[in-house]
Amino acid sequence: MGEKPKKKEEFELTELFLIKAGKTDWDRTFIGSIKRETNDEGEPLVRMKVVVKEGMIVGMARNQDEIGANLDDICLMKLDFGLHSKDGPKSKVFDSDFYHN
């Protein structure tokens, strides 16, 4: 007799992280999700996305330290300096605007 097929798990774990606008400003902290992958060469990739006021920030890097620092900076630019508050170069993807920065 053959082996029983493996049963697919009924749940999925989601890894979460925090980004923060500024070094000490804990009231401007946002939670996001992490997805870990590998590219075609077998190198690790980390994708993160977080919803902040008036938008979503997404990014990809080789490790979570690199992308975490970048997303903290982008969050600060969005909240304090109006990143994308004025129209600039963008593309339409699935009826949503994606800005080129």
PDB file of N, CA and C in Angstrom:
ATOM      1  N   MET A   1       0.829  -1.186   0.000  1.00  0.00           N
ATOM      2  CA  MET A   1       0.000   0.000   0.000  1.00  0.00           C
ATOM      3  C   MET A   1       0.873   1.248   0.000  1.00  0.00           C
ATOM      4  N   GLY A   2       0.371   2.276  -0.646  1.00  0.00           N
ATOM      5  CA  GLY A   2       1.100   3.548  -0.727  1.00  0.00           C
ATOM      6  C   GLY A   2       0.933   4.374   0.532  1.00  0.00           C
ATOM      7  N   GLU A   3       1.731   5.418   0.600  1.00  0.00           N
ATOM      8  CA  GLU A   3       1.652   6.332   1.743  1.00  0.00           C
ATOM      9  C   GLU A   3       0.444   7.252   1.596  1.00  0.00           C
ATOM     10  N   LYS A   4      -0.090   7.669   2.727  1.00  0.00           N
ATOM     11  CA  LYS A   4      -1.196   8.624   2.721  1.00  0.00           C
ATOM     12  C   LYS A   4      -0.673   9.983   2.292  1.00  0.00           C
ATOM     13  N   PRO A   5      -1.442  10.717   1.484  1.00  0.00           N
ATOM     14  CA  PRO A   5      -1.005  12.073   1.119  1.00  0.00           C
ATOM     15  C   PRO A   5      -0.994  12.966   2.362  1.00  0.00           C
ATOM     16  N   LYS A   6      -0.020  13.876   2.412  1.00  0.00           N
ATOM     17  CA  LYS A   6       0.059  14.788   3.554  1.00  0.00           C
ATOM     18  C   LYS A   6      -1.134  15.732   3.543  1.00  0.00           C
ATOM     19  N   LYS A   7      -1.681  15.947   4.705  1.00  0.00           N
ATOM     20  CA  LYS A   7      -2.808  16.861   4.855  1.00  0.00           C
ATOM     21  C   LYS A   7      -2.285  18.296   4.865  1.00  0.00           C
ATOM     22  N   LYS A   8      -2.922  19.142   4.100  1.00  0.00           N
ATOM     23  CA  LYS A   8      -2.529  20.557   4.053  1.00  0.00           C
ATOM     24  C   LYS A   8      -2.910  21.222   5.375  1.00  0.00           C
ATOM     25  N   GLU A   9      -1.991  22.032   5.885  1.00  0.00           N
ATOM     26  CA  GLU A   9      -2.250  22.752   7.127  1.00  0.00           C
ATOM     27  C   GLU A   9      -3.436  23.693   6.943  1.00  0.00           C
ATOM     28  N   GLU A  10      -4.206  23.868   7.994  1.00  0.00           N
ATOM     29  CA  GLU A  10      -5.386  24.725   7.922  1.00  0.00           C
ATOM     30  C   GLU A  10      -5.107  26.138   8.413  1.00  0.00           C
ATOM     31  N   PHE A  11      -3.873  26.421   8.755  1.00  0.00           N
ATOM     32  CA  PHE A  11      -3.538  27.763   9.212  1.00  0.00           C
ATOM     33  C   PHE A  11      -2.186  28.159   8.629  1.00  0.00           C
ATOM     34  N   GLU A  12      -1.936  29.453   8.646  1.00  0.00           N
ATOM     35  CA  GLU A  12      -0.676  29.994   8.148  1.00  0.00           C
ATOM     36  C   GLU A  12      -0.148  30.987   9.169  1.00  0.00           C
ATOM     37  N   LEU A  13       1.119  30.855   9.514  1.00  0.00           N
ATOM     38  CA  LEU A  13       1.742  31.791  10.450  1.00  0.00           C
ATOM     39  C   LEU A  13       2.156  33.054   9.710  1.00  0.00           C
ATOM     40  N   THR A  14       1.966  34.184  10.348  1.00  0.00           N
ATOM     41  CA  THR A  14       2.379  35.459   9.771  1.00  0.00           C
ATOM     42  C   THR A  14       3.364  36.111  10.716  1.00  0.00           C
ATOM     43  N   GLU A  15       4.525  36.486  10.193  1.00  0.00           N
ATOM     44  CA  GLU A  15       5.537  37.166  10.982  1.00  0.00           C
ATOM     45  C   GLU A  15       5.258  38.663  10.920  1.00  0.00           C
ATOM     46  N   LEU A  16       5.244  39.320  12.070  1.00  0.00           N
ATOM     47  CA  LEU A  16       4.925  40.745  12.153  1.00  0.00           C
ATOM     48  C   LEU A  16       6.152  41.543  12.587  1.00  0.00           C
ATOM     49  N   PHE A  17       6.145  42.837  12.305  1.00  0.00           N
ATOM     50  CA  PHE A  17       7.228  43.731  12.694  1.00  0.00           C
ATOM     51  C   PHE A  17       6.661  45.110  12.950  1.00  0.00           C
ATOM     52  N   LEU A  18       7.453  45.973  13.555  1.00  0.00           N
ATOM     53  CA  LEU A  18       7.067  47.360  13.815  1.00  0.00           C
ATOM     54  C   LEU A  18       7.968  48.297  13.028  1.00  0.00           C
ATOM     55  N   ILE A  19       7.382  49.363  12.494  1.00  0.00           N
ATOM     56  CA  ILE A  19       8.190  50.471  11.991  1.00  0.00           C
ATOM     57  C   ILE A  19       7.790  51.701  12.795  1.00  0.00           C
ATOM     58  N   LYS A  20       8.724  52.621  12.898  1.00  0.00           N
ATOM     59  CA  LYS A  20       8.512  53.769  13.770  1.00  0.00           C
ATOM     60  C   LYS A  20       9.029  55.022  13.077  1.00  0.00           C
ATOM     61  N   ALA A  21       8.236  56.077  13.121  1.00  0.00           N
ATOM     62  CA  ALA A  21       8.637  57.371  12.567  1.00  0.00           C
ATOM     63  C   ALA A  21       9.352  58.143  13.664  1.00  0.00           C
ATOM     64  N   GLY A  22      10.666  58.159  13.619  1.00  0.00           N
ATOM     65  CA  GLY A  22      11.453  58.843  14.633  1.00  0.00           C
ATOM     66  C   GLY A  22      11.975  57.877  15.682  1.00  0.00           C
ATOM     67  N   LYS A  23      13.011  58.286  16.388  1.00  0.00           N
ATOM     68  CA  LYS A  23      13.675  57.399  17.352  1.00  0.00           C
ATOM     69  C   LYS A  23      12.877  57.188  18.633  1.00  0.00           C
ATOM     70  N   THR A  24      12.139  58.198  19.089  1.00  0.00           N
ATOM     71  CA  THR A  24      11.474  58.099  20.390  1.00  0.00           C
ATOM     72  C   THR A  24       9.962  58.256  20.311  1.00  0.00           C
ATOM     73  N   ASP A  25       9.412  58.350  19.128  1.00  0.00           N
ATOM     74  CA  ASP A  25       7.999  58.669  18.951  1.00  0.00           C
ATOM     75  C   ASP A  25       7.158  57.387  18.849  1.00  0.00           C
ATOM     76  N   TRP A  26       6.895  56.737  19.988  1.00  0.00           N
ATOM     77  CA  TRP A  26       6.193  55.450  19.986  1.00  0.00           C
ATOM     78  C   TRP A  26       4.727  55.571  19.577  1.00  0.00           C
ATOM     79  N   ASP A  27       4.130  56.770  19.632  1.00  0.00           N
ATOM     80  CA  ASP A  27       2.738  56.895  19.206  1.00  0.00           C
ATOM     81  C   ASP A  27       2.616  56.903  17.683  1.00  0.00           C
ATOM     82  N   ARG A  28       3.733  56.952  16.976  1.00  0.00           N
ATOM     83  CA  ARG A  28       3.725  56.849  15.519  1.00  0.00           C
ATOM     84  C   ARG A  28       4.428  55.551  15.101  1.00  0.00           C
ATOM     85  N   THR A  29       3.941  54.465  15.681  1.00  0.00           N
ATOM     86  CA  THR A  29       4.469  53.129  15.401  1.00  0.00           C
ATOM     87  C   THR A  29       3.394  52.345  14.670  1.00  0.00           C
ATOM     88  N   PHE A  30       3.799  51.610  13.639  1.00  0.00           N
ATOM     89  CA  PHE A  30       2.858  50.862  12.810  1.00  0.00           C
ATOM     90  C   PHE A  30       3.322  49.420  12.702  1.00  0.00           C
ATOM     91  N   ILE A  31       2.368  48.508  12.577  1.00  0.00           N
ATOM     92  CA  ILE A  31       2.682  47.084  12.490  1.00  0.00           C
ATOM     93  C   ILE A  31       2.498  46.605  11.056  1.00  0.00           C
ATOM     94  N   GLY A  32       3.373  45.742  10.613  1.00  0.00           N
ATOM     95  CA  GLY A  32       3.315  45.222   9.252  1.00  0.00           C
ATOM     96  C   GLY A  32       3.613  43.740   9.228  1.00  0.00           C
ATOM     97  N   SER A  33       3.658  43.171   8.038  1.00  0.00           N
ATOM     98  CA  SER A  33       3.904  41.737   7.879  1.00  0.00           C
ATOM     99  C   SER A  33       5.175  41.496   7.065  1.00  0.00           C
ATOM    100  N   ILE A  34       5.789  40.346   7.331  1.00  0.00           N
ATOM    101  CA  ILE A  34       7.018  39.933   6.659  1.00  0.00           C
ATOM    102  C   ILE A  34       6.740  38.650   5.888  1.00  0.00           C
ATOM    103  N   LYS A  35       7.290  38.574   4.699  1.00  0.00           N
ATOM    104  CA  LYS A  35       7.233  37.349   3.909  1.00  0.00           C
ATOM    105  C   LYS A  35       8.662  37.014   3.495  1.00  0.00           C
ATOM    106  N   ARG A  36       9.130  35.836   3.831  1.00  0.00           N
ATOM    107  CA  ARG A  36      10.494  35.412   3.503  1.00  0.00           C
ATOM    108  C   ARG A  36      10.468  34.490   2.291  1.00  0.00           C
ATOM    109  N   GLU A  37      11.393  34.745   1.365  1.00  0.00           N
ATOM    110  CA  GLU A  37      11.461  33.979   0.124  1.00  0.00           C
ATOM    111  C   GLU A  37      12.916  33.770  -0.246  1.00  0.00           C
ATOM    112  N   THR A  38      13.127  33.070  -1.341  1.00  0.00           N
ATOM    113  CA  THR A  38      14.456  32.984  -1.938  1.00  0.00           C
ATOM    114  C   THR A  38      14.320  33.314  -3.416  1.00  0.00           C
ATOM    115  N   ASN A  39      15.372  33.920  -3.978  1.00  0.00           N
ATOM    116  CA  ASN A  39      15.331  34.236  -5.405  1.00  0.00           C
ATOM    117  C   ASN A  39      15.764  33.010  -6.209  1.00  0.00           C
ATOM    118  N   ASP A  40      15.860  33.158  -7.509  1.00  0.00           N
ATOM    119  CA  ASP A  40      16.213  32.034  -8.380  1.00  0.00           C
ATOM    120  C   ASP A  40      17.603  31.477  -8.092  1.00  0.00           C
ATOM    121  N   GLU A  41      18.493  32.295  -7.537  1.00  0.00           N
ATOM    122  CA  GLU A  41      19.850  31.851  -7.203  1.00  0.00           C
ATOM    123  C   GLU A  41      19.929  31.255  -5.797  1.00  0.00           C
ATOM    124  N   GLY A  42      18.802  31.168  -5.096  1.00  0.00           N
ATOM    125  CA  GLY A  42      18.775  30.608  -3.754  1.00  0.00           C
ATOM    126  C   GLY A  42      19.135  31.583  -2.648  1.00  0.00           C
ATOM    127  N   GLU A  43      19.287  32.865  -2.970  1.00  0.00           N
ATOM    128  CA  GLU A  43      19.610  33.873  -1.965  1.00  0.00           C
ATOM    129  C   GLU A  43      18.346  34.316  -1.249  1.00  0.00           C
ATOM    130  N   PRO A  44      18.430  34.602   0.054  1.00  0.00           N
ATOM    131  CA  PRO A  44      17.234  35.006   0.802  1.00  0.00           C
ATOM    132  C   PRO A  44      16.745  36.401   0.417  1.00  0.00           C
ATOM    133  N   LEU A  45      15.433  36.571   0.429  1.00  0.00           N
ATOM    134  CA  LEU A  45      14.781  37.863   0.212  1.00  0.00           C
ATOM    135  C   LEU A  45      13.737  38.047   1.299  1.00  0.00           C
ATOM    136  N   VAL A  46      13.571  39.275   1.724  1.00  0.00           N
ATOM    137  CA  VAL A  46      12.553  39.603   2.717  1.00  0.00           C
ATOM    138  C   VAL A  46      11.659  40.669   2.111  1.00  0.00           C
ATOM    139  N   ARG A  47      10.358  40.415   2.107  1.00  0.00           N
ATOM    140  CA  ARG A  47       9.377  41.405   1.652  1.00  0.00           C
ATOM    141  C   ARG A  47       8.577  41.850   2.872  1.00  0.00           C
ATOM    142  N   MET A  48       8.384  43.161   2.977  1.00  0.00           N
ATOM    143  CA  MET A  48       7.607  43.703   4.087  1.00  0.00           C
ATOM    144  C   MET A  48       6.579  44.684   3.556  1.00  0.00           C
ATOM    145  N   LYS A  49       5.450  44.733   4.220  1.00  0.00           N
ATOM    146  CA  LYS A  49       4.459  45.762   3.895  1.00  0.00           C
ATOM    147  C   LYS A  49       3.792  46.211   5.184  1.00  0.00           C
ATOM    148  N   VAL A  50       3.465  47.495   5.209  1.00  0.00           N
ATOM    149  CA  VAL A  50       2.847  48.098   6.384  1.00  0.00           C
ATOM    150  C   VAL A  50       1.906  49.204   5.921  1.00  0.00           C
ATOM    151  N   VAL A  51       0.760  49.300   6.564  1.00  0.00           N
ATOM    152  CA  VAL A  51      -0.199  50.363   6.277  1.00  0.00           C
ATOM    153  C   VAL A  51       0.055  51.495   7.264  1.00  0.00           C
ATOM    154  N   VAL A  52       0.287  52.685   6.726  1.00  0.00           N
ATOM    155  CA  VAL A  52       0.446  53.886   7.533  1.00  0.00           C
ATOM    156  C   VAL A  52      -0.659  54.853   7.134  1.00  0.00           C
ATOM    157  N   LYS A  53      -0.734  55.969   7.820  1.00  0.00           N
ATOM    158  CA  LYS A  53      -1.759  56.955   7.497  1.00  0.00           C
ATOM    159  C   LYS A  53      -1.710  57.294   6.015  1.00  0.00           C
ATOM    160  N   GLU A  54      -2.828  57.213   5.362  1.00  0.00           N
ATOM    161  CA  GLU A  54      -2.973  57.598   3.948  1.00  0.00           C
ATOM    162  C   GLU A  54      -2.168  56.743   2.975  1.00  0.00           C
ATOM    163  N   GLY A  55      -1.856  55.520   3.309  1.00  0.00           N
ATOM    164  CA  GLY A  55      -1.166  54.702   2.321  1.00  0.00           C
ATOM    165  C   GLY A  55      -0.520  53.454   2.873  1.00  0.00           C
ATOM    166  N   MET A  56       0.181  52.760   1.989  1.00  0.00           N
ATOM    167  CA  MET A  56       0.882  51.538   2.327  1.00  0.00           C
ATOM    168  C   MET A  56       2.335  51.673   1.876  1.00  0.00           C
ATOM    169  N   ILE A  57       3.240  51.158   2.693  1.00  0.00           N
ATOM    170  CA  ILE A  57       4.656  51.135   2.348  1.00  0.00           C
ATOM    171  C   ILE A  57       5.052  49.686   2.148  1.00  0.00           C
ATOM    172  N   VAL A  58       5.691  49.386   1.032  1.00  0.00           N
ATOM    173  CA  VAL A  58       6.179  48.039   0.747  1.00  0.00           C
ATOM    174  C   VAL A  58       7.656  48.119   0.403  1.00  0.00           C
ATOM    175  N   GLY A  59       8.363  47.031   0.655  1.00  0.00           N
ATOM    176  CA  GLY A  59       9.773  47.002   0.325  1.00  0.00           C
ATOM    177  C   GLY A  59      10.293  45.584   0.266  1.00  0.00           C
ATOM    178  N   MET A  60      11.500  45.448  -0.287  1.00  0.00           N
ATOM    179  CA  MET A  60      12.153  44.159  -0.391  1.00  0.00           C
ATOM    180  C   MET A  60      13.651  44.368  -0.222  1.00  0.00           C
ATOM    181  N   ALA A  61      14.309  43.456   0.495  1.00  0.00           N
ATOM    182  CA  ALA A  61      15.756  43.531   0.702  1.00  0.00           C
ATOM    183  C   ALA A  61      16.290  42.128   0.978  1.00  0.00           C
ATOM    184  N   ARG A  62      17.594  42.049   1.203  1.00  0.00           N
ATOM    185  CA  ARG A  62      18.240  40.751   1.452  1.00  0.00           C
ATOM    186  C   ARG A  62      18.052  40.275   2.889  1.00  0.00           C
ATOM    187  N   ASN A  63      17.828  41.211   3.839  1.00  0.00           N
ATOM    188  CA  ASN A  63      17.603  40.802   5.230  1.00  0.00           C
ATOM    189  C   ASN A  63      16.691  41.814   5.909  1.00  0.00           C
ATOM    190  N   GLN A  64      16.156  41.420   7.056  1.00  0.00           N
ATOM    191  CA  GLN A  64      15.155  42.266   7.706  1.00  0.00           C
ATOM    192  C   GLN A  64      15.766  43.494   8.365  1.00  0.00           C
ATOM    193  N   ASP A  65      17.039  43.464   8.734  1.00  0.00           N
ATOM    194  CA  ASP A  65      17.664  44.668   9.304  1.00  0.00           C
ATOM    195  C   ASP A  65      17.743  45.779   8.267  1.00  0.00           C
ATOM    196  N   GLU A  66      18.149  45.416   7.055  1.00  0.00           N
ATOM    197  CA  GLU A  66      18.270  46.396   5.969  1.00  0.00           C
ATOM    198  C   GLU A  66      16.914  46.993   5.613  1.00  0.00           C
ATOM    199  N   ILE A  67      15.932  46.150   5.427  1.00  0.00           N
ATOM    200  CA  ILE A  67      14.615  46.659   5.031  1.00  0.00           C
ATOM    201  C   ILE A  67      13.934  47.388   6.183  1.00  0.00           C
ATOM    202  N   GLY A  68      14.154  46.943   7.416  1.00  0.00           N
ATOM    203  CA  GLY A  68      13.549  47.611   8.570  1.00  0.00           C
ATOM    204  C   GLY A  68      14.009  49.052   8.699  1.00  0.00           C
ATOM    205  N   ALA A  69      15.311  49.273   8.545  1.00  0.00           N
ATOM    206  CA  ALA A  69      15.850  50.639   8.615  1.00  0.00           C
ATOM    207  C   ALA A  69      15.290  51.494   7.485  1.00  0.00           C
ATOM    208  N   ASN A  70      15.204  50.924   6.295  1.00  0.00           N
ATOM    209  CA  ASN A  70      14.669  51.685   5.157  1.00  0.00           C
ATOM    210  C   ASN A  70      13.198  52.034   5.350  1.00  0.00           C
ATOM    211  N   LEU A  71      12.407  51.094   5.854  1.00  0.00           N
ATOM    212  CA  LEU A  71      10.982  51.379   6.056  1.00  0.00           C
ATOM    213  C   LEU A  71      10.762  52.402   7.160  1.00  0.00           C
ATOM    214  N   ASP A  72      11.606  52.396   8.206  1.00  0.00           N
ATOM    215  CA  ASP A  72      11.514  53.447   9.235  1.00  0.00           C
ATOM    216  C   ASP A  72      11.710  54.817   8.597  1.00  0.00           C
ATOM    217  N   ASP A  73      12.713  54.926   7.732  1.00  0.00           N
ATOM    218  CA  ASP A  73      12.999  56.206   7.065  1.00  0.00           C
ATOM    219  C   ASP A  73      11.870  56.622   6.125  1.00  0.00           C
ATOM    220  N   ILE A  74      11.324  55.670   5.372  1.00  0.00           N
ATOM    221  CA  ILE A  74      10.227  55.985   4.455  1.00  0.00           C
ATOM    222  C   ILE A  74       8.995  56.420   5.244  1.00  0.00           C
ATOM    223  N   CYS A  75       8.723  55.778   6.369  1.00  0.00           N
ATOM    224  CA  CYS A  75       7.596  56.161   7.221  1.00  0.00           C
ATOM    225  C   CYS A  75       7.763  57.596   7.699  1.00  0.00           C
ATOM    226  N   LEU A  76       8.958  57.950   8.126  1.00  0.00           N
ATOM    227  CA  LEU A  76       9.238  59.312   8.568  1.00  0.00           C
ATOM    228  C   LEU A  76       9.041  60.310   7.433  1.00  0.00           C
ATOM    229  N   MET A  77       9.529  59.970   6.242  1.00  0.00           N
ATOM    230  CA  MET A  77       9.351  60.868   5.088  1.00  0.00           C
ATOM    231  C   MET A  77       7.874  61.020   4.737  1.00  0.00           C
ATOM    232  N   LYS A  78       7.105  59.951   4.839  1.00  0.00           N
ATOM    233  CA  LYS A  78       5.673  60.014   4.513  1.00  0.00           C
ATOM    234  C   LYS A  78       4.933  60.913   5.504  1.00  0.00           C
ATOM    235  N   LEU A  79       5.174  60.711   6.789  1.00  0.00           N
ATOM    236  CA  LEU A  79       4.408  61.428   7.809  1.00  0.00           C
ATOM    237  C   LEU A  79       4.870  62.867   8.005  1.00  0.00           C
ATOM    238  N   ASP A  80       6.173  63.106   7.959  1.00  0.00           N
ATOM    239  CA  ASP A  80       6.697  64.436   8.285  1.00  0.00           C
ATOM    240  C   ASP A  80       7.007  65.314   7.077  1.00  0.00           C
ATOM    241  N   PHE A  81       7.311  64.692   5.947  1.00  0.00           N
ATOM    242  CA  PHE A  81       7.755  65.463   4.799  1.00  0.00           C
ATOM    243  C   PHE A  81       6.864  65.315   3.578  1.00  0.00           C
ATOM    244  N   GLY A  82       5.698  64.662   3.746  1.00  0.00           N
ATOM    245  CA  GLY A  82       4.712  64.598   2.678  1.00  0.00           C
ATOM    246  C   GLY A  82       5.117  63.781   1.466  1.00  0.00           C
ATOM    247  N   LEU A  83       5.890  62.716   1.678  1.00  0.00           N
ATOM    248  CA  LEU A  83       6.270  61.856   0.559  1.00  0.00           C
ATOM    249  C   LEU A  83       5.029  61.437  -0.220  1.00  0.00           C
ATOM    250  N   HIS A  84       5.010  61.708  -1.507  1.00  0.00           N
ATOM    251  CA  HIS A  84       3.912  61.405  -2.428  1.00  0.00           C
ATOM    252  C   HIS A  84       2.640  62.191  -2.157  1.00  0.00           C
ATOM    253  N   SER A  85       2.743  63.302  -1.408  1.00  0.00           N
ATOM    254  CA  SER A  85       1.543  64.112  -1.199  1.00  0.00           C
ATOM    255  C   SER A  85       1.197  64.897  -2.466  1.00  0.00           C
ATOM    256  N   LYS A  86       2.200  65.106  -3.313  1.00  0.00           N
ATOM    257  CA  LYS A  86       1.963  65.714  -4.618  1.00  0.00           C
ATOM    258  C   LYS A  86       2.159  64.650  -5.673  1.00  0.00           C
ATOM    259  N   ASP A  87       1.373  64.748  -6.732  1.00  0.00           N
ATOM    260  CA  ASP A  87       1.509  63.765  -7.799  1.00  0.00           C
ATOM    261  C   ASP A  87       2.883  63.848  -8.435  1.00  0.00           C
ATOM    262  N   GLY A  88       3.449  62.707  -8.685  1.00  0.00           N
ATOM    263  CA  GLY A  88       4.724  62.594  -9.381  1.00  0.00           C
ATOM    264  C   GLY A  88       4.627  61.430 -10.346  1.00  0.00           C
ATOM    265  N   PRO A  89       5.751  60.948 -10.861  1.00  0.00           N
ATOM    266  CA  PRO A  89       5.705  59.811 -11.781  1.00  0.00           C
ATOM    267  C   PRO A  89       5.108  58.585 -11.098  1.00  0.00           C
ATOM    268  N   LYS A  90       4.161  57.950 -11.757  1.00  0.00           N
ATOM    269  CA  LYS A  90       3.507  56.774 -11.175  1.00  0.00           C
ATOM    270  C   LYS A  90       2.990  55.872 -12.285  1.00  0.00           C
ATOM    271  N   SER A  91       2.696  54.648 -11.914  1.00  0.00           N
ATOM    272  CA  SER A  91       2.109  53.670 -12.828  1.00  0.00           C
ATOM    273  C   SER A  91       0.813  53.159 -12.229  1.00  0.00           C
ATOM    274  N   LYS A  92      -0.099  52.766 -13.067  1.00  0.00           N
ATOM    275  CA  LYS A  92      -1.356  52.189 -12.617  1.00  0.00           C
ATOM    276  C   LYS A  92      -1.200  50.673 -12.637  1.00  0.00           C
ATOM    277  N   VAL A  93      -1.372  50.021 -11.492  1.00  0.00           N
ATOM    278  CA  VAL A  93      -1.292  48.568 -11.387  1.00  0.00           C
ATOM    279  C   VAL A  93      -2.543  48.098 -10.651  1.00  0.00           C
ATOM    280  N   PHE A  94      -3.351  47.294 -11.319  1.00  0.00           N
ATOM    281  CA  PHE A  94      -4.601  46.796 -10.745  1.00  0.00           C
ATOM    282  C   PHE A  94      -5.428  47.943 -10.137  1.00  0.00           C
ATOM    283  N   ASP A  95      -5.597  48.978 -10.888  1.00  0.00           N
ATOM    284  CA  ASP A  95      -6.407  50.140 -10.498  1.00  0.00           C
ATOM    285  C   ASP A  95      -5.869  50.900  -9.283  1.00  0.00           C
ATOM    286  N   SER A  96      -4.604  50.711  -8.925  1.00  0.00           N
ATOM    287  CA  SER A  96      -3.978  51.452  -7.841  1.00  0.00           C
ATOM    288  C   SER A  96      -2.767  52.203  -8.380  1.00  0.00           C
ATOM    289  N   ASP A  97      -2.494  53.375  -7.804  1.00  0.00           N
ATOM    290  CA  ASP A  97      -1.324  54.150  -8.211  1.00  0.00           C
ATOM    291  C   ASP A  97      -0.093  53.664  -7.466  1.00  0.00           C
ATOM    292  N   PHE A  98       0.977  53.381  -8.184  1.00  0.00           N
ATOM    293  CA  PHE A  98       2.265  53.027  -7.606  1.00  0.00           C
ATOM    294  C   PHE A  98       3.272  54.080  -8.049  1.00  0.00           C
ATOM    295  N   TYR A  99       3.826  54.777  -7.058  1.00  0.00           N
ATOM    296  CA  TYR A  99       4.739  55.886  -7.337  1.00  0.00           C
ATOM    297  C   TYR A  99       6.145  55.366  -7.602  1.00  0.00           C
ATOM    298  N   HIS A 100       6.834  56.042  -8.490  1.00  0.00           N
ATOM    299  CA  HIS A 100       8.227  55.723  -8.818  1.00  0.00           C
ATOM    300  C   HIS A 100       9.114  56.609  -7.941  1.00  0.00           C
ATOM    301  N   ASN A 101       9.831  56.003  -6.998  1.00  0.00           N
ATOM    302  CA  ASN A 101      10.710  56.815  -6.172  1.00  0.00           C
ATOM    303  C   ASN A 101      12.086  56.242  -6.125  1.00  0.00           C
TER     304      ASN A 101
END
